[in-house]
Amino acid sequence: MRVLLVEDDVEISRRLRASLEEAGFAVDQAFDGEEALYLGETVDVDAVVLDLGLPKLPGLEVLRRWRRAGRNMPILVLTARDAWTDRVEGLNAGADDYLGKPFQAAEVVARLRALVRRSAGAGSPVMTLGDVTLDPTAGSASVDGRTVELTARELRILTYLMHRRGRIVPQSELMDHVYPMAEARESNTIEVYVARLRRKLGRDCIRTIRGLGYRMG
């Protein structure tokens, strides 16, 4: 799953990015409001972590413009402001959740996962399809109760496909959601990782819909 992290404090951004990547997210970063506005309107992400106290353009205005433009990705707002009126203003502008500073990175990760689950229509953090079970929180998968070891990239791909089970996911969409912008991409890498997942989870767990993409379920 791909996240846009918008935080102007370089050290906080660095720590948060490390925690998010360790949790299996692909992370893009912006350090001011103008950059955030552009990326949020042009890059397809699964969720956003948005600080309100940004240079160039306030985070609240970025949030309003995204929503006016029809961008409906889940947004977790971070802010040092602690007045209840500020929280209400952020939520009314279109934020999905709110976390005050200082915060624990683990809570940011947990709240993001919950937002992504809700946006995909899933309640439980554990997803099951046939004899395949995935627990993104634990970073683990199993087949018929047998634990399967997955690499970080395999876990990202499986998580995205499981969240969209029953739907055809084009290869280009899958690539966009498991690679951050700064990371080099090759057109055949998705095919390689899908082949590895089939070997580990079962040949029929991920179907190739010729000319369209991949589907689970």
N, C-alpha and C. Protein backbone atom coordinates (compact mmCIF):
# COMPACT_ATOMS: atom_id res chain seq x y z
N MET A 1 0.84 -1.18 0.00
CA MET A 1 0.00 0.00 0.00
C MET A 1 0.88 1.25 0.00
N ARG A 2 0.45 2.26 -0.74
CA ARG A 2 1.27 3.46 -0.95
C ARG A 2 0.72 4.64 -0.16
N VAL A 3 1.62 5.31 0.57
CA VAL A 3 1.24 6.41 1.45
C VAL A 3 2.00 7.67 1.06
N LEU A 4 1.31 8.81 1.08
CA LEU A 4 1.96 10.10 0.94
C LEU A 4 2.14 10.69 2.33
N LEU A 5 3.38 10.93 2.71
CA LEU A 5 3.72 11.48 4.02
C LEU A 5 4.08 12.96 3.84
N VAL A 6 3.28 13.84 4.45
CA VAL A 6 3.48 15.29 4.31
C VAL A 6 3.84 15.85 5.69
N GLU A 7 5.10 16.18 5.86
CA GLU A 7 5.61 16.67 7.15
C GLU A 7 6.85 17.52 6.86
N ASP A 8 6.86 18.78 7.34
CA ASP A 8 7.98 19.66 7.03
C ASP A 8 9.17 19.49 7.97
N ASP A 9 8.95 18.87 9.13
CA ASP A 9 10.06 18.59 10.03
C ASP A 9 10.83 17.37 9.50
N VAL A 10 12.06 17.61 9.07
CA VAL A 10 12.83 16.56 8.38
C VAL A 10 13.05 15.35 9.27
N GLU A 11 13.34 15.57 10.55
CA GLU A 11 13.62 14.44 11.44
C GLU A 11 12.36 13.63 11.72
N ILE A 12 11.24 14.32 11.98
CA ILE A 12 9.98 13.60 12.19
C ILE A 12 9.61 12.82 10.94
N SER A 13 9.78 13.44 9.78
CA SER A 13 9.46 12.77 8.52
C SER A 13 10.33 11.54 8.32
N ARG A 14 11.61 11.67 8.65
CA ARG A 14 12.54 10.54 8.49
C ARG A 14 12.11 9.37 9.37
N ARG A 15 11.80 9.67 10.64
CA ARG A 15 11.41 8.60 11.56
C ARG A 15 10.09 7.95 11.15
N LEU A 16 9.15 8.77 10.75
CA LEU A 16 7.86 8.23 10.33
C LEU A 16 8.00 7.37 9.08
N ARG A 17 8.79 7.84 8.14
CA ARG A 17 8.99 7.06 6.92
C ARG A 17 9.59 5.69 7.24
N ALA A 18 10.58 5.67 8.12
CA ALA A 18 11.21 4.41 8.49
C ALA A 18 10.19 3.46 9.11
N SER A 19 9.33 3.99 10.00
CA SER A 19 8.32 3.15 10.65
C SER A 19 7.29 2.64 9.65
N LEU A 20 6.89 3.50 8.73
CA LEU A 20 5.89 3.09 7.73
C LEU A 20 6.46 2.04 6.78
N GLU A 21 7.70 2.23 6.36
CA GLU A 21 8.31 1.24 5.47
C GLU A 21 8.52 -0.08 6.19
N GLU A 22 8.88 -0.02 7.45
CA GLU A 22 9.04 -1.26 8.23
C GLU A 22 7.70 -1.99 8.34
N ALA A 23 6.60 -1.22 8.36
CA ALA A 23 5.27 -1.82 8.44
C ALA A 23 4.75 -2.29 7.09
N GLY A 24 5.53 -2.09 6.01
CA GLY A 24 5.15 -2.60 4.70
C GLY A 24 4.56 -1.60 3.74
N PHE A 25 4.57 -0.31 4.09
CA PHE A 25 4.05 0.72 3.20
C PHE A 25 5.14 1.21 2.25
N ALA A 26 4.75 1.55 1.02
CA ALA A 26 5.61 2.31 0.12
C ALA A 26 5.32 3.78 0.38
N VAL A 27 6.36 4.58 0.58
CA VAL A 27 6.17 5.94 1.09
C VAL A 27 6.74 6.98 0.12
N ASP A 28 5.89 7.96 -0.25
CA ASP A 28 6.31 9.17 -0.94
C ASP A 28 6.27 10.31 0.07
N GLN A 29 7.17 11.29 -0.07
CA GLN A 29 7.26 12.37 0.90
C GLN A 29 7.09 13.74 0.24
N ALA A 30 6.47 14.65 0.98
CA ALA A 30 6.41 16.06 0.62
C ALA A 30 6.73 16.86 1.88
N PHE A 31 7.39 18.01 1.69
CA PHE A 31 7.86 18.79 2.84
C PHE A 31 7.24 20.18 2.92
N ASP A 32 6.36 20.52 1.98
CA ASP A 32 5.64 21.78 2.07
C ASP A 32 4.26 21.61 1.42
N GLY A 33 3.39 22.60 1.63
CA GLY A 33 2.02 22.47 1.18
C GLY A 33 1.85 22.45 -0.33
N GLU A 34 2.67 23.22 -1.04
CA GLU A 34 2.54 23.25 -2.50
C GLU A 34 2.92 21.91 -3.12
N GLU A 35 4.02 21.32 -2.62
CA GLU A 35 4.43 20.01 -3.12
C GLU A 35 3.39 18.95 -2.77
N ALA A 36 2.85 19.04 -1.56
CA ALA A 36 1.82 18.08 -1.14
C ALA A 36 0.58 18.18 -2.02
N LEU A 37 0.15 19.42 -2.30
CA LEU A 37 -1.03 19.62 -3.14
C LEU A 37 -0.84 18.99 -4.51
N TYR A 38 0.32 19.22 -5.11
CA TYR A 38 0.60 18.66 -6.43
C TYR A 38 0.61 17.13 -6.40
N LEU A 39 1.33 16.56 -5.45
CA LEU A 39 1.42 15.10 -5.40
C LEU A 39 0.06 14.47 -5.11
N GLY A 40 -0.70 15.07 -4.20
CA GLY A 40 -2.00 14.52 -3.86
C GLY A 40 -2.98 14.55 -5.01
N GLU A 41 -2.77 15.48 -5.96
CA GLU A 41 -3.67 15.58 -7.11
C GLU A 41 -3.19 14.75 -8.31
N THR A 42 -1.93 14.34 -8.30
CA THR A 42 -1.38 13.66 -9.48
C THR A 42 -0.93 12.24 -9.23
N VAL A 43 -0.74 11.85 -7.97
CA VAL A 43 -0.25 10.51 -7.64
C VAL A 43 -1.37 9.73 -6.95
N ASP A 44 -1.56 8.50 -7.36
CA ASP A 44 -2.60 7.65 -6.78
C ASP A 44 -2.05 6.95 -5.54
N VAL A 45 -2.49 7.39 -4.36
CA VAL A 45 -2.01 6.80 -3.11
C VAL A 45 -3.20 6.19 -2.35
N ASP A 46 -2.88 5.29 -1.43
CA ASP A 46 -3.93 4.62 -0.65
C ASP A 46 -4.30 5.39 0.60
N ALA A 47 -3.42 6.28 1.06
CA ALA A 47 -3.69 7.08 2.25
C ALA A 47 -2.67 8.21 2.34
N VAL A 48 -2.99 9.21 3.16
CA VAL A 48 -2.11 10.36 3.36
C VAL A 48 -1.95 10.62 4.85
N VAL A 49 -0.71 10.92 5.24
CA VAL A 49 -0.44 11.47 6.58
C VAL A 49 -0.12 12.94 6.35
N LEU A 50 -0.93 13.84 6.88
CA LEU A 50 -0.83 15.26 6.56
C LEU A 50 -0.66 16.11 7.81
N ASP A 51 0.49 16.79 7.89
CA ASP A 51 0.72 17.77 8.95
C ASP A 51 0.01 19.06 8.56
N LEU A 52 -0.59 19.75 9.52
CA LEU A 52 -1.30 20.98 9.21
C LEU A 52 -0.37 22.20 9.16
N GLY A 53 0.70 22.19 9.95
CA GLY A 53 1.58 23.34 10.04
C GLY A 53 2.67 23.31 8.97
N LEU A 54 2.28 23.54 7.71
CA LEU A 54 3.22 23.42 6.59
C LEU A 54 3.62 24.79 6.05
N PRO A 55 4.83 24.91 5.53
CA PRO A 55 5.21 26.14 4.82
C PRO A 55 4.58 26.19 3.43
N LYS A 56 4.54 27.40 2.86
CA LYS A 56 4.05 27.69 1.49
C LYS A 56 2.54 27.60 1.36
N LEU A 57 1.94 26.56 1.92
CA LEU A 57 0.48 26.42 1.87
C LEU A 57 0.04 25.61 3.08
N PRO A 58 -0.85 26.17 3.92
CA PRO A 58 -1.25 25.45 5.14
C PRO A 58 -1.88 24.10 4.82
N GLY A 59 -1.64 23.14 5.71
CA GLY A 59 -2.18 21.80 5.51
C GLY A 59 -3.69 21.77 5.39
N LEU A 60 -4.36 22.63 6.14
CA LEU A 60 -5.82 22.67 6.09
C LEU A 60 -6.31 23.09 4.70
N GLU A 61 -5.62 24.03 4.09
CA GLU A 61 -5.99 24.46 2.74
C GLU A 61 -5.69 23.37 1.72
N VAL A 62 -4.57 22.67 1.90
CA VAL A 62 -4.25 21.53 1.04
C VAL A 62 -5.39 20.51 1.10
N LEU A 63 -5.82 20.21 2.31
CA LEU A 63 -6.89 19.24 2.53
C LEU A 63 -8.16 19.69 1.82
N ARG A 64 -8.55 20.95 1.99
CA ARG A 64 -9.77 21.46 1.36
C ARG A 64 -9.68 21.36 -0.17
N ARG A 65 -8.53 21.71 -0.73
CA ARG A 65 -8.39 21.69 -2.19
C ARG A 65 -8.43 20.27 -2.73
N TRP A 66 -7.82 19.33 -2.00
CA TRP A 66 -7.91 17.93 -2.42
C TRP A 66 -9.36 17.48 -2.49
N ARG A 67 -10.11 17.76 -1.45
CA ARG A 67 -11.51 17.31 -1.41
C ARG A 67 -12.34 18.00 -2.47
N ARG A 68 -12.09 19.29 -2.72
CA ARG A 68 -12.83 19.98 -3.77
C ARG A 68 -12.52 19.40 -5.14
N ALA A 69 -11.28 18.90 -5.29
CA ALA A 69 -10.87 18.30 -6.56
C ALA A 69 -11.35 16.86 -6.70
N GLY A 70 -12.05 16.35 -5.69
CA GLY A 70 -12.59 15.00 -5.76
C GLY A 70 -11.62 13.92 -5.32
N ARG A 71 -10.52 14.30 -4.68
CA ARG A 71 -9.56 13.30 -4.18
C ARG A 71 -10.11 12.74 -2.87
N ASN A 72 -10.41 11.45 -2.86
CA ASN A 72 -11.11 10.86 -1.71
C ASN A 72 -10.27 9.86 -0.93
N MET A 73 -8.93 9.89 -1.07
CA MET A 73 -8.10 8.97 -0.30
C MET A 73 -8.22 9.28 1.20
N PRO A 74 -8.10 8.24 2.05
CA PRO A 74 -8.16 8.47 3.50
C PRO A 74 -7.01 9.38 3.94
N ILE A 75 -7.31 10.33 4.84
CA ILE A 75 -6.31 11.29 5.29
C ILE A 75 -6.26 11.33 6.81
N LEU A 76 -5.06 11.06 7.33
CA LEU A 76 -4.79 11.17 8.76
C LEU A 76 -4.05 12.48 8.99
N VAL A 77 -4.66 13.38 9.77
CA VAL A 77 -4.09 14.70 10.03
C VAL A 77 -3.22 14.64 11.29
N LEU A 78 -2.02 15.23 11.18
CA LEU A 78 -1.13 15.40 12.32
C LEU A 78 -0.99 16.88 12.61
N THR A 79 -1.05 17.25 13.88
CA THR A 79 -0.88 18.66 14.21
C THR A 79 -0.47 18.84 15.66
N ALA A 80 0.26 19.93 15.90
CA ALA A 80 0.64 20.28 17.27
C ALA A 80 -0.48 21.05 17.95
N ARG A 81 -1.46 21.48 17.19
CA ARG A 81 -2.59 22.22 17.77
C ARG A 81 -3.44 21.27 18.60
N ASP A 82 -3.83 21.70 19.77
CA ASP A 82 -4.57 20.78 20.65
C ASP A 82 -5.97 21.29 20.99
N ALA A 83 -6.39 22.43 20.40
CA ALA A 83 -7.73 22.93 20.68
C ALA A 83 -8.76 22.07 19.95
N TRP A 84 -9.89 21.82 20.61
CA TRP A 84 -10.90 20.97 19.99
C TRP A 84 -11.47 21.63 18.73
N THR A 85 -11.45 22.97 18.68
CA THR A 85 -11.95 23.65 17.49
C THR A 85 -11.08 23.36 16.27
N ASP A 86 -9.76 23.21 16.49
CA ASP A 86 -8.87 22.87 15.38
C ASP A 86 -9.17 21.47 14.87
N ARG A 87 -9.45 20.54 15.80
CA ARG A 87 -9.77 19.17 15.39
C ARG A 87 -11.06 19.14 14.59
N VAL A 88 -12.06 19.90 15.06
CA VAL A 88 -13.34 19.95 14.36
C VAL A 88 -13.16 20.55 12.96
N GLU A 89 -12.34 21.61 12.86
CA GLU A 89 -12.11 22.26 11.57
C GLU A 89 -11.47 21.28 10.58
N GLY A 90 -10.47 20.52 11.06
CA GLY A 90 -9.81 19.55 10.19
C GLY A 90 -10.75 18.47 9.73
N LEU A 91 -11.56 17.94 10.63
CA LEU A 91 -12.50 16.88 10.27
C LEU A 91 -13.58 17.40 9.33
N ASN A 92 -14.04 18.62 9.58
CA ASN A 92 -15.05 19.20 8.69
C ASN A 92 -14.49 19.49 7.30
N ALA A 93 -13.18 19.70 7.21
CA ALA A 93 -12.56 19.96 5.91
C ALA A 93 -12.36 18.69 5.11
N GLY A 94 -12.53 17.52 5.75
CA GLY A 94 -12.44 16.27 5.02
C GLY A 94 -11.45 15.26 5.56
N ALA A 95 -10.82 15.55 6.72
CA ALA A 95 -9.91 14.57 7.31
C ALA A 95 -10.71 13.36 7.81
N ASP A 96 -10.08 12.20 7.76
CA ASP A 96 -10.73 10.97 8.23
C ASP A 96 -10.35 10.62 9.66
N ASP A 97 -9.22 11.10 10.10
CA ASP A 97 -8.77 10.84 11.47
C ASP A 97 -7.81 11.95 11.87
N TYR A 98 -7.52 12.03 13.17
CA TYR A 98 -6.79 13.16 13.72
C TYR A 98 -5.87 12.66 14.82
N LEU A 99 -4.61 13.09 14.79
CA LEU A 99 -3.65 12.69 15.81
C LEU A 99 -2.80 13.89 16.19
N GLY A 100 -2.78 14.21 17.49
CA GLY A 100 -2.00 15.35 17.95
C GLY A 100 -0.55 14.98 18.23
N LYS A 101 0.31 15.98 18.12
CA LYS A 101 1.72 15.82 18.45
C LYS A 101 1.92 16.16 19.92
N PRO A 102 2.86 15.48 20.59
CA PRO A 102 3.70 14.38 20.10
C PRO A 102 2.90 13.08 19.99
N PHE A 103 3.38 12.16 19.17
CA PHE A 103 2.68 10.90 18.93
C PHE A 103 3.70 9.78 18.83
N GLN A 104 3.21 8.57 18.91
CA GLN A 104 4.03 7.40 18.71
C GLN A 104 3.85 6.91 17.27
N ALA A 105 4.96 6.59 16.62
CA ALA A 105 4.88 6.13 15.23
C ALA A 105 4.00 4.90 15.09
N ALA A 106 4.01 4.04 16.09
CA ALA A 106 3.20 2.82 16.04
C ALA A 106 1.71 3.15 15.96
N GLU A 107 1.30 4.25 16.61
CA GLU A 107 -0.10 4.64 16.55
C GLU A 107 -0.44 5.18 15.16
N VAL A 108 0.47 5.91 14.54
CA VAL A 108 0.25 6.38 13.17
C VAL A 108 0.05 5.19 12.23
N VAL A 109 0.91 4.18 12.36
CA VAL A 109 0.80 2.98 11.53
C VAL A 109 -0.55 2.29 11.76
N ALA A 110 -0.95 2.14 13.03
CA ALA A 110 -2.19 1.45 13.34
C ALA A 110 -3.40 2.21 12.79
N ARG A 111 -3.39 3.53 12.94
CA ARG A 111 -4.51 4.33 12.44
C ARG A 111 -4.58 4.30 10.91
N LEU A 112 -3.41 4.33 10.26
CA LEU A 112 -3.39 4.24 8.80
C LEU A 112 -3.97 2.92 8.32
N ARG A 113 -3.55 1.85 8.96
CA ARG A 113 -4.08 0.54 8.57
C ARG A 113 -5.60 0.49 8.72
N ALA A 114 -6.10 1.07 9.80
CA ALA A 114 -7.55 1.08 10.02
C ALA A 114 -8.25 1.90 8.94
N LEU A 115 -7.67 3.04 8.56
CA LEU A 115 -8.26 3.87 7.51
C LEU A 115 -8.29 3.13 6.17
N VAL A 116 -7.20 2.46 5.84
CA VAL A 116 -7.13 1.72 4.58
C VAL A 116 -8.15 0.57 4.59
N ARG A 117 -8.27 -0.12 5.72
CA ARG A 117 -9.26 -1.20 5.82
C ARG A 117 -10.66 -0.68 5.59
N ARG A 118 -11.00 0.43 6.25
CA ARG A 118 -12.35 0.98 6.12
C ARG A 118 -12.62 1.43 4.69
N SER A 119 -11.62 2.03 4.04
CA SER A 119 -11.82 2.49 2.67
C SER A 119 -12.03 1.32 1.72
N ALA A 120 -11.49 0.15 2.08
CA ALA A 120 -11.67 -1.05 1.26
C ALA A 120 -12.89 -1.86 1.68
N GLY A 121 -13.61 -1.38 2.70
CA GLY A 121 -14.80 -2.06 3.16
C GLY A 121 -14.54 -3.26 4.04
N ALA A 122 -13.34 -3.31 4.65
CA ALA A 122 -12.98 -4.43 5.51
C ALA A 122 -12.95 -3.97 6.97
N GLY A 123 -13.49 -4.80 7.86
CA GLY A 123 -13.48 -4.46 9.27
C GLY A 123 -12.32 -5.08 10.03
N SER A 124 -12.10 -6.35 9.80
CA SER A 124 -11.05 -7.06 10.51
C SER A 124 -9.69 -6.83 9.87
N PRO A 125 -8.62 -6.72 10.69
CA PRO A 125 -7.28 -6.58 10.11
C PRO A 125 -6.80 -7.85 9.41
N VAL A 126 -7.38 -9.00 9.76
CA VAL A 126 -6.98 -10.27 9.15
C VAL A 126 -7.89 -10.57 7.97
N MET A 127 -7.29 -10.83 6.81
CA MET A 127 -8.05 -11.10 5.59
C MET A 127 -7.87 -12.55 5.17
N THR A 128 -8.96 -13.18 4.78
CA THR A 128 -8.92 -14.58 4.37
C THR A 128 -9.61 -14.74 3.03
N LEU A 129 -8.98 -15.50 2.15
CA LEU A 129 -9.56 -15.83 0.86
C LEU A 129 -9.21 -17.27 0.56
N GLY A 130 -10.21 -18.14 0.57
CA GLY A 130 -9.95 -19.57 0.41
C GLY A 130 -9.10 -20.06 1.57
N ASP A 131 -7.98 -20.72 1.28
CA ASP A 131 -7.12 -21.20 2.35
C ASP A 131 -5.94 -20.26 2.62
N VAL A 132 -5.98 -19.04 2.00
CA VAL A 132 -4.93 -18.05 2.21
C VAL A 132 -5.39 -17.04 3.25
N THR A 133 -4.58 -16.83 4.27
CA THR A 133 -4.86 -15.84 5.31
C THR A 133 -3.71 -14.86 5.38
N LEU A 134 -4.06 -13.57 5.44
CA LEU A 134 -3.06 -12.51 5.50
C LEU A 134 -3.33 -11.63 6.70
N ASP A 135 -2.30 -11.39 7.50
CA ASP A 135 -2.38 -10.47 8.62
C ASP A 135 -1.35 -9.36 8.40
N PRO A 136 -1.76 -8.24 7.78
CA PRO A 136 -0.80 -7.16 7.50
C PRO A 136 -0.19 -6.57 8.76
N THR A 137 -0.95 -6.59 9.86
CA THR A 137 -0.43 -6.05 11.11
C THR A 137 0.79 -6.82 11.58
N ALA A 138 0.73 -8.13 11.46
CA ALA A 138 1.86 -8.98 11.86
C ALA A 138 2.84 -9.19 10.72
N GLY A 139 2.46 -8.76 9.51
CA GLY A 139 3.33 -8.97 8.36
C GLY A 139 3.49 -10.44 8.02
N SER A 140 2.40 -11.21 8.18
CA SER A 140 2.50 -12.66 7.98
C SER A 140 1.36 -13.17 7.11
N ALA A 141 1.63 -14.30 6.45
CA ALA A 141 0.62 -14.97 5.64
C ALA A 141 0.70 -16.46 5.90
N SER A 142 -0.41 -17.13 5.67
CA SER A 142 -0.43 -18.58 5.85
C SER A 142 -1.33 -19.21 4.80
N VAL A 143 -1.06 -20.47 4.50
CA VAL A 143 -1.88 -21.26 3.59
C VAL A 143 -2.33 -22.50 4.34
N ASP A 144 -3.66 -22.60 4.53
CA ASP A 144 -4.22 -23.74 5.26
C ASP A 144 -3.53 -23.91 6.62
N GLY A 145 -3.26 -22.78 7.28
CA GLY A 145 -2.66 -22.80 8.61
C GLY A 145 -1.15 -22.88 8.64
N ARG A 146 -0.53 -23.05 7.48
CA ARG A 146 0.93 -23.16 7.40
C ARG A 146 1.52 -21.80 7.07
N THR A 147 2.41 -21.31 7.95
CA THR A 147 3.01 -19.99 7.76
C THR A 147 3.89 -19.96 6.51
N VAL A 148 3.76 -18.87 5.75
CA VAL A 148 4.53 -18.68 4.52
C VAL A 148 5.39 -17.43 4.70
N GLU A 149 6.67 -17.56 4.43
CA GLU A 149 7.57 -16.42 4.53
C GLU A 149 7.48 -15.57 3.26
N LEU A 150 7.23 -14.27 3.45
CA LEU A 150 7.13 -13.35 2.33
C LEU A 150 8.15 -12.22 2.47
N THR A 151 8.67 -11.77 1.33
CA THR A 151 9.53 -10.59 1.35
C THR A 151 8.64 -9.35 1.51
N ALA A 152 9.27 -8.20 1.79
CA ALA A 152 8.50 -6.96 1.97
C ALA A 152 7.70 -6.62 0.71
N ARG A 153 8.30 -6.78 -0.47
CA ARG A 153 7.59 -6.46 -1.71
C ARG A 153 6.47 -7.45 -1.98
N GLU A 154 6.69 -8.73 -1.72
CA GLU A 154 5.62 -9.72 -1.89
C GLU A 154 4.45 -9.40 -0.96
N LEU A 155 4.77 -8.98 0.26
CA LEU A 155 3.72 -8.64 1.23
C LEU A 155 2.92 -7.44 0.75
N ARG A 156 3.58 -6.43 0.18
CA ARG A 156 2.87 -5.26 -0.33
C ARG A 156 1.91 -5.65 -1.45
N ILE A 157 2.39 -6.48 -2.37
CA ILE A 157 1.56 -6.89 -3.50
C ILE A 157 0.37 -7.71 -3.03
N LEU A 158 0.62 -8.67 -2.15
CA LEU A 158 -0.47 -9.51 -1.64
C LEU A 158 -1.49 -8.68 -0.88
N THR A 159 -1.02 -7.74 -0.07
CA THR A 159 -1.93 -6.89 0.69
C THR A 159 -2.83 -6.08 -0.23
N TYR A 160 -2.24 -5.49 -1.26
CA TYR A 160 -3.04 -4.68 -2.19
C TYR A 160 -4.08 -5.54 -2.91
N LEU A 161 -3.67 -6.71 -3.38
CA LEU A 161 -4.62 -7.58 -4.09
C LEU A 161 -5.71 -8.11 -3.16
N MET A 162 -5.35 -8.41 -1.91
CA MET A 162 -6.36 -8.91 -0.97
C MET A 162 -7.38 -7.82 -0.63
N HIS A 163 -6.92 -6.58 -0.49
CA HIS A 163 -7.85 -5.48 -0.24
C HIS A 163 -8.82 -5.29 -1.40
N ARG A 164 -8.40 -5.70 -2.60
CA ARG A 164 -9.24 -5.54 -3.79
C ARG A 164 -9.68 -6.88 -4.35
N ARG A 165 -9.82 -7.86 -3.49
CA ARG A 165 -10.21 -9.19 -3.95
C ARG A 165 -11.57 -9.13 -4.67
N GLY A 166 -11.64 -9.91 -5.73
CA GLY A 166 -12.85 -9.90 -6.55
C GLY A 166 -12.80 -8.89 -7.68
N ARG A 167 -11.79 -8.00 -7.66
CA ARG A 167 -11.64 -7.00 -8.71
C ARG A 167 -10.40 -7.29 -9.56
N ILE A 168 -10.43 -6.88 -10.81
CA ILE A 168 -9.25 -6.97 -11.66
C ILE A 168 -8.37 -5.76 -11.40
N VAL A 169 -7.12 -6.00 -11.07
CA VAL A 169 -6.16 -4.93 -10.80
C VAL A 169 -5.15 -4.88 -11.95
N PRO A 170 -5.15 -3.82 -12.75
CA PRO A 170 -4.16 -3.72 -13.83
C PRO A 170 -2.73 -3.72 -13.29
N GLN A 171 -1.82 -4.23 -14.08
CA GLN A 171 -0.43 -4.28 -13.64
C GLN A 171 0.12 -2.89 -13.33
N SER A 172 -0.29 -1.90 -14.13
CA SER A 172 0.19 -0.54 -13.90
C SER A 172 -0.29 0.00 -12.56
N GLU A 173 -1.54 -0.31 -12.20
CA GLU A 173 -2.07 0.12 -10.90
C GLU A 173 -1.32 -0.55 -9.76
N LEU A 174 -1.08 -1.83 -9.90
CA LEU A 174 -0.35 -2.57 -8.87
C LEU A 174 1.04 -1.98 -8.67
N MET A 175 1.70 -1.67 -9.77
CA MET A 175 3.04 -1.09 -9.69
C MET A 175 3.01 0.27 -9.00
N ASP A 176 1.99 1.08 -9.32
CA ASP A 176 1.88 2.41 -8.72
C ASP A 176 1.69 2.35 -7.21
N HIS A 177 1.08 1.27 -6.72
CA HIS A 177 0.75 1.21 -5.30
C HIS A 177 1.77 0.44 -4.46
N VAL A 178 2.74 -0.19 -5.08
CA VAL A 178 3.74 -0.90 -4.28
C VAL A 178 5.13 -0.31 -4.41
N TYR A 179 5.29 0.67 -5.31
CA TYR A 179 6.58 1.35 -5.47
C TYR A 179 6.41 2.84 -5.17
N PRO A 180 7.24 3.43 -4.32
CA PRO A 180 7.26 4.89 -4.20
C PRO A 180 7.89 5.50 -5.44
N MET A 181 7.68 6.81 -5.62
CA MET A 181 8.18 7.48 -6.83
C MET A 181 9.70 7.40 -6.94
N ALA A 182 10.38 7.48 -5.81
CA ALA A 182 11.85 7.55 -5.84
C ALA A 182 12.51 6.23 -6.19
N GLU A 183 11.74 5.15 -6.25
CA GLU A 183 12.32 3.82 -6.48
C GLU A 183 12.20 3.43 -7.95
N ALA A 184 13.29 2.91 -8.50
CA ALA A 184 13.30 2.50 -9.91
C ALA A 184 12.32 1.35 -10.13
N ARG A 185 11.68 1.35 -11.30
CA ARG A 185 10.71 0.31 -11.64
C ARG A 185 11.08 -0.33 -12.96
N GLU A 186 10.81 -1.61 -13.07
CA GLU A 186 10.97 -2.31 -14.33
C GLU A 186 9.67 -3.04 -14.63
N SER A 187 9.29 -3.04 -15.90
CA SER A 187 7.97 -3.52 -16.29
C SER A 187 7.72 -4.98 -15.93
N ASN A 188 8.79 -5.79 -15.85
CA ASN A 188 8.57 -7.22 -15.61
C ASN A 188 8.65 -7.60 -14.14
N THR A 189 8.92 -6.64 -13.26
CA THR A 189 9.11 -7.01 -11.86
C THR A 189 7.82 -7.50 -11.21
N ILE A 190 6.69 -6.90 -11.56
CA ILE A 190 5.42 -7.34 -10.98
C ILE A 190 5.15 -8.79 -11.36
N GLU A 191 5.41 -9.17 -12.61
CA GLU A 191 5.21 -10.54 -13.05
C GLU A 191 6.08 -11.50 -12.24
N VAL A 192 7.31 -11.08 -11.96
CA VAL A 192 8.22 -11.92 -11.19
C VAL A 192 7.68 -12.14 -9.78
N TYR A 193 7.23 -11.05 -9.13
CA TYR A 193 6.74 -11.18 -7.76
C TYR A 193 5.43 -11.97 -7.69
N VAL A 194 4.57 -11.79 -8.67
CA VAL A 194 3.32 -12.56 -8.71
C VAL A 194 3.63 -14.05 -8.87
N ALA A 195 4.60 -14.37 -9.72
CA ALA A 195 5.00 -15.77 -9.90
C ALA A 195 5.53 -16.36 -8.59
N ARG A 196 6.29 -15.57 -7.83
CA ARG A 196 6.80 -16.05 -6.55
C ARG A 196 5.66 -16.27 -5.56
N LEU A 197 4.68 -15.38 -5.55
CA LEU A 197 3.54 -15.55 -4.66
C LEU A 197 2.75 -16.81 -5.02
N ARG A 198 2.61 -17.08 -6.29
CA ARG A 198 1.90 -18.30 -6.71
C ARG A 198 2.62 -19.55 -6.23
N ARG A 199 3.95 -19.53 -6.31
CA ARG A 199 4.71 -20.69 -5.83
C ARG A 199 4.53 -20.89 -4.33
N LYS A 200 4.41 -19.81 -3.60
CA LYS A 200 4.31 -19.91 -2.14
C LYS A 200 2.88 -20.15 -1.65
N LEU A 201 1.91 -19.57 -2.37
CA LEU A 201 0.52 -19.61 -1.89
C LEU A 201 -0.36 -20.58 -2.65
N GLY A 202 0.10 -21.02 -3.81
CA GLY A 202 -0.73 -21.89 -4.65
C GLY A 202 -0.91 -21.25 -6.01
N ARG A 203 -0.84 -22.05 -7.04
CA ARG A 203 -0.82 -21.55 -8.41
C ARG A 203 -2.08 -20.77 -8.75
N ASP A 204 -3.22 -21.15 -8.16
CA ASP A 204 -4.49 -20.54 -8.54
C ASP A 204 -4.91 -19.39 -7.63
N CYS A 205 -4.05 -19.00 -6.69
CA CYS A 205 -4.46 -17.95 -5.74
C CYS A 205 -4.58 -16.59 -6.42
N ILE A 206 -3.72 -16.33 -7.42
CA ILE A 206 -3.77 -15.07 -8.17
C ILE A 206 -3.99 -15.41 -9.64
N ARG A 207 -5.09 -14.96 -10.19
CA ARG A 207 -5.39 -15.24 -11.59
C ARG A 207 -4.91 -14.10 -12.48
N THR A 208 -4.37 -14.45 -13.63
CA THR A 208 -4.03 -13.46 -14.64
C THR A 208 -5.19 -13.35 -15.62
N ILE A 209 -5.76 -12.17 -15.73
CA ILE A 209 -6.82 -11.91 -16.71
C ILE A 209 -6.14 -11.27 -17.91
N ARG A 210 -5.95 -12.04 -18.94
CA ARG A 210 -5.09 -11.65 -20.05
C ARG A 210 -5.50 -10.29 -20.62
N GLY A 211 -4.53 -9.40 -20.71
CA GLY A 211 -4.75 -8.08 -21.26
C GLY A 211 -5.33 -7.07 -20.29
N LEU A 212 -5.71 -7.55 -19.09
CA LEU A 212 -6.36 -6.66 -18.12
C LEU A 212 -5.59 -6.52 -16.81
N GLY A 213 -5.12 -7.64 -16.25
CA GLY A 213 -4.39 -7.55 -14.98
C GLY A 213 -4.53 -8.81 -14.15
N TYR A 214 -4.56 -8.63 -12.82
CA TYR A 214 -4.59 -9.75 -11.88
C TYR A 214 -5.84 -9.67 -11.01
N ARG A 215 -6.26 -10.84 -10.54
CA ARG A 215 -7.44 -10.87 -9.66
C ARG A 215 -7.28 -11.99 -8.64
N MET A 216 -7.65 -11.68 -7.40
CA MET A 216 -7.79 -12.69 -6.35
C MET A 216 -9.26 -12.81 -6.02
N GLY A 217 -9.74 -14.02 -5.97
CA GLY A 217 -11.14 -14.25 -5.65
C GLY A 217 -12.06 -14.13 -6.86
